[in-house]
Amino acid sequence: MPTIDELTVADLPEAWAAVGFALDGDTCVVGDVRIRLAGSGAGKGLSGWSLLGLGADADLDGLETTRSDRQPTDNVPAHPNGVAGLDHVVAISPNLDRTVAALQAAGLDLRRVREDPTPAGAPRQAFFRLGAVILEVVQEPPEAIERGGGPDRPAFFWGLAFVASDLEATVAGLGDRAGEVRDAVQPGRRIATLRRSAGLGVPVALMTP
């Protein structure tokens, strides 16, 4: 099954270092995933990814994807902010059934489709397993589909959720750059999100293991 090699984020490395991520040049390694901080010239937010084990003709319904044959990294640094892994990547689709079909055809491992709405208003979500990381594909709400120009638009990346071994300590260390810790949708887990004042160009959540 495909797994994630690298995520490309249109942020400067300095912004991530400022919120406690350890960097090697323009790259941050979290778990077994490389995050390349490519600056504003790379687009906006989470602009693409590379996958290991992906077929040459795979079509991921608009998610900017390249194939990788690189060996997984074994140099995993300790991050000063306490982040220990990447929990999930979030993508949004104006047509969830179409995107799910495309991802399955490309070999991604669909685990389940959740038909219940989230507190943020997403009516449905699909979850794919890519090694240790989950891809969560969220159905765009009807009003957002209408504003965006209809359901024929491709899917797009949105945000990242990291695991913090001691979430309360991580949030306390970030001060007013992080929101309050609250219950997550997943039973027994807690979550907090980084605020705009954190200076990152991609939405980031922090979760308990």
Protein backbone atom coordinates (compact mmCIF):
# COMPACT_ATOMS: atom_id res chain seq x y z
CA MET A 1 0.00 0.00 0.00
CA PRO A 2 1.23 3.57 -0.65
CA THR A 3 2.82 5.47 2.23
CA ILE A 4 3.86 9.10 2.62
CA ASP A 5 7.46 10.05 1.91
CA GLU A 6 7.27 13.85 1.92
CA LEU A 7 4.80 16.70 2.33
CA THR A 8 5.47 20.07 0.69
CA VAL A 9 4.34 23.12 2.66
CA ALA A 10 4.54 26.69 1.36
CA ASP A 11 6.06 28.05 4.57
CA LEU A 12 9.48 29.35 5.54
CA PRO A 13 11.52 27.04 7.77
CA GLU A 14 11.89 29.85 10.32
CA ALA A 15 8.14 29.82 10.98
CA TRP A 16 8.21 26.15 11.97
CA ALA A 17 11.34 26.54 14.04
CA ALA A 18 9.62 29.34 15.95
CA VAL A 19 6.87 26.95 17.14
CA GLY A 20 9.32 24.30 18.28
CA PHE A 21 10.01 21.99 15.34
CA ALA A 22 13.57 20.76 14.80
CA LEU A 23 14.80 21.40 11.25
CA ASP A 24 17.58 20.22 8.97
CA GLY A 25 17.80 23.02 6.44
CA ASP A 26 14.35 23.32 4.88
CA THR A 27 13.17 19.91 6.08
CA CYS A 28 11.36 18.82 9.23
CA VAL A 29 11.10 15.08 9.91
CA VAL A 30 8.15 13.96 12.02
CA GLY A 31 7.88 10.23 12.58
CA ASP A 32 8.79 8.71 9.22
CA VAL A 33 7.46 11.65 7.16
CA ARG A 34 9.58 14.45 5.76
CA ILE A 35 7.99 17.90 5.63
CA ARG A 36 9.73 20.19 3.14
CA LEU A 37 9.22 23.87 3.89
CA ALA A 38 9.47 25.34 0.43
CA GLY A 39 8.48 28.98 1.00
CA SER A 40 5.71 31.01 -0.61
CA GLY A 41 6.91 30.12 -4.11
CA ALA A 42 5.55 26.59 -3.60
CA GLY A 43 1.95 27.79 -3.65
CA LYS A 44 -0.27 28.01 -0.61
CA GLY A 45 -0.50 25.90 2.53
CA LEU A 46 -0.01 22.16 2.06
CA SER A 47 0.69 22.18 -1.66
CA GLY A 48 1.55 18.54 -2.42
CA TRP A 49 3.07 15.25 -1.35
CA SER A 50 5.17 12.37 -2.59
CA LEU A 51 4.14 8.77 -1.99
CA LEU A 52 6.06 5.52 -1.85
CA GLY A 53 4.51 2.49 -3.52
CA LEU A 54 2.28 4.46 -5.88
CA GLY A 55 1.54 3.26 -9.40
CA ALA A 56 2.88 5.30 -12.31
CA ASP A 57 -0.56 6.17 -13.69
CA ALA A 58 -2.30 6.92 -10.38
CA ASP A 59 -4.82 9.78 -10.39
CA LEU A 60 -5.64 11.18 -6.94
CA ASP A 61 -8.49 13.46 -8.04
CA GLY A 62 -6.48 16.67 -8.05
CA LEU A 63 -4.29 16.08 -5.00
CA GLU A 64 -0.84 17.18 -6.21
CA THR A 65 1.16 13.95 -6.03
CA THR A 66 4.53 12.66 -7.16
CA ARG A 67 5.95 9.14 -6.88
CA SER A 68 8.94 8.49 -4.64
CA ASP A 69 11.42 5.63 -4.53
CA ARG A 70 13.47 7.14 -1.71
CA GLN A 71 14.21 5.04 1.36
CA PRO A 72 12.33 6.08 4.52
CA THR A 73 14.42 8.22 6.83
CA ASP A 74 15.79 6.72 10.03
CA ASN A 75 17.02 10.05 11.40
CA VAL A 76 14.07 11.19 13.50
CA PRO A 77 14.89 14.20 15.68
CA ALA A 78 13.30 15.09 18.99
CA HIS A 79 11.23 18.22 18.60
CA PRO A 80 11.45 20.85 21.35
CA ASN A 81 7.66 21.32 21.22
CA GLY A 82 7.07 17.66 22.14
CA VAL A 83 5.56 16.59 18.82
CA ALA A 84 6.26 12.88 18.33
CA GLY A 85 4.46 11.96 15.10
CA LEU A 86 2.08 12.89 12.32
CA ASP A 87 -1.43 11.63 13.05
CA HIS A 88 -3.31 12.58 9.90
CA VAL A 89 -3.37 14.69 6.76
CA VAL A 90 -6.65 16.44 5.90
CA ALA A 91 -7.93 16.92 2.36
CA ILE A 92 -11.26 18.37 1.25
CA SER A 93 -13.41 17.25 -1.66
CA PRO A 94 -16.55 18.79 -3.18
CA ASN A 95 -17.51 15.26 -4.28
CA LEU A 96 -16.45 12.70 -1.68
CA ASP A 97 -17.67 9.63 -3.56
CA ARG A 98 -15.68 10.62 -6.66
CA THR A 99 -12.51 11.25 -4.64
CA VAL A 100 -12.85 8.01 -2.68
CA ALA A 101 -13.21 6.04 -5.91
CA ALA A 102 -10.10 7.69 -7.37
CA LEU A 103 -8.01 7.04 -4.27
CA GLN A 104 -9.10 3.41 -4.08
CA ALA A 105 -8.29 2.94 -7.77
CA ALA A 106 -4.79 4.30 -7.03
CA GLY A 107 -4.29 1.64 -4.36
CA LEU A 108 -4.94 3.65 -1.19
CA ASP A 109 -6.37 1.64 1.70
CA LEU A 110 -9.88 2.85 2.56
CA ARG A 111 -10.66 2.00 6.18
CA ARG A 112 -14.08 3.56 6.66
CA VAL A 113 -16.52 6.31 5.69
CA ARG A 114 -18.04 8.27 8.55
CA GLU A 115 -21.55 9.45 7.76
CA ASP A 116 -22.01 11.63 10.84
CA PRO A 117 -21.28 15.39 10.67
CA THR A 118 -18.33 16.83 12.56
CA PRO A 119 -18.58 19.79 14.97
CA ALA A 120 -17.03 21.93 12.20
CA GLY A 121 -19.90 21.10 9.84
CA ALA A 122 -18.36 18.52 7.50
CA PRO A 123 -21.21 16.13 6.59
CA ARG A 124 -19.08 13.04 5.80
CA GLN A 125 -15.45 11.91 5.97
CA ALA A 126 -13.45 9.05 4.49
CA PHE A 127 -10.33 7.65 6.15
CA PHE A 128 -7.40 6.02 4.32
CA ARG A 129 -4.42 4.33 5.95
CA LEU A 130 -0.98 5.27 4.59
CA GLY A 131 1.40 3.45 6.90
CA ALA A 132 1.40 5.14 10.29
CA VAL A 133 -0.54 8.15 8.98
CA ILE A 134 -4.21 8.57 8.15
CA LEU A 135 -5.52 10.57 5.20
CA GLU A 136 -8.84 12.11 6.18
CA VAL A 137 -10.89 13.28 3.20
CA VAL A 138 -13.67 15.62 4.22
CA GLN A 139 -16.83 16.24 2.20
CA GLU A 140 -17.11 19.97 1.58
CA PRO A 141 -20.37 21.41 2.97
CA PRO A 142 -23.00 22.48 0.38
CA GLU A 143 -22.57 26.21 1.02
CA ALA A 144 -18.81 25.95 0.49
CA ILE A 145 -19.34 23.97 -2.74
CA GLU A 146 -21.61 26.71 -4.04
CA ARG A 147 -19.15 29.47 -3.10
CA GLY A 148 -16.28 27.57 -4.68
CA GLY A 149 -17.93 27.05 -8.05
CA GLY A 150 -19.65 23.68 -7.87
CA PRO A 151 -18.91 20.00 -7.27
CA ASP A 152 -16.74 19.44 -10.35
CA ARG A 153 -13.67 21.02 -8.75
CA PRO A 154 -10.85 18.67 -7.74
CA ALA A 155 -10.01 17.68 -4.18
CA PHE A 156 -7.39 19.74 -2.37
CA PHE A 157 -5.13 19.47 0.66
CA TRP A 158 -6.07 21.42 3.78
CA GLY A 159 -4.26 20.70 7.06
CA LEU A 160 -2.14 18.52 9.34
CA ALA A 161 -2.66 16.95 12.75
CA PHE A 162 0.35 16.00 14.88
CA VAL A 163 0.64 13.81 17.96
CA ALA A 164 2.06 15.47 21.08
CA SER A 165 3.11 13.04 23.81
CA ASP A 166 2.19 15.58 26.52
CA LEU A 167 -0.39 17.80 24.88
CA GLU A 168 -0.93 20.08 27.85
CA ALA A 169 2.81 20.76 28.12
CA THR A 170 3.07 21.44 24.38
CA VAL A 171 0.15 23.86 24.45
CA ALA A 172 1.49 25.60 27.55
CA GLY A 173 4.87 26.06 25.85
CA LEU A 174 3.21 27.63 22.80
CA GLY A 175 1.35 30.17 24.93
CA ASP A 176 -1.20 32.29 23.05
CA ARG A 177 -0.17 30.72 19.72
CA ALA A 178 -2.30 27.65 20.56
CA GLY A 179 -5.97 27.34 21.41
CA GLU A 180 -7.34 25.56 24.43
CA VAL A 181 -7.24 21.79 24.79
CA ARG A 182 -10.64 20.16 24.21
CA ASP A 183 -12.16 16.75 23.52
CA ALA A 184 -11.50 15.42 20.01
CA VAL A 185 -14.05 13.64 17.81
CA GLN A 186 -12.21 10.38 18.49
CA PRO A 187 -13.31 9.08 21.92
CA GLY A 188 -10.65 9.39 24.60
CA ARG A 189 -8.45 11.83 22.69
CA ARG A 190 -7.84 15.54 23.21
CA ILE A 191 -6.98 18.20 20.64
CA ALA A 192 -5.83 21.79 20.32
CA THR A 193 -5.24 23.92 17.22
CA LEU A 194 -2.59 26.49 16.44
CA ARG A 195 -3.87 30.03 16.04
CA ARG A 196 -3.04 32.42 13.20
CA SER A 197 -0.60 34.11 15.57
CA ALA A 198 1.59 30.98 15.29
CA GLY A 199 2.52 32.24 11.83
CA LEU A 200 2.05 29.00 9.87
CA GLY A 201 0.45 28.95 6.44
CA VAL A 202 -1.29 25.61 6.95
CA PRO A 203 -3.91 24.70 9.58
CA VAL A 204 -2.26 22.59 12.29
CA ALA A 205 -3.84 20.58 15.09
CA LEU A 206 -2.10 18.88 18.01
CA MET A 207 -3.53 15.69 19.51
CA THR A 208 -2.95 13.28 22.34
CA PRO A 209 -1.66 9.83 21.27
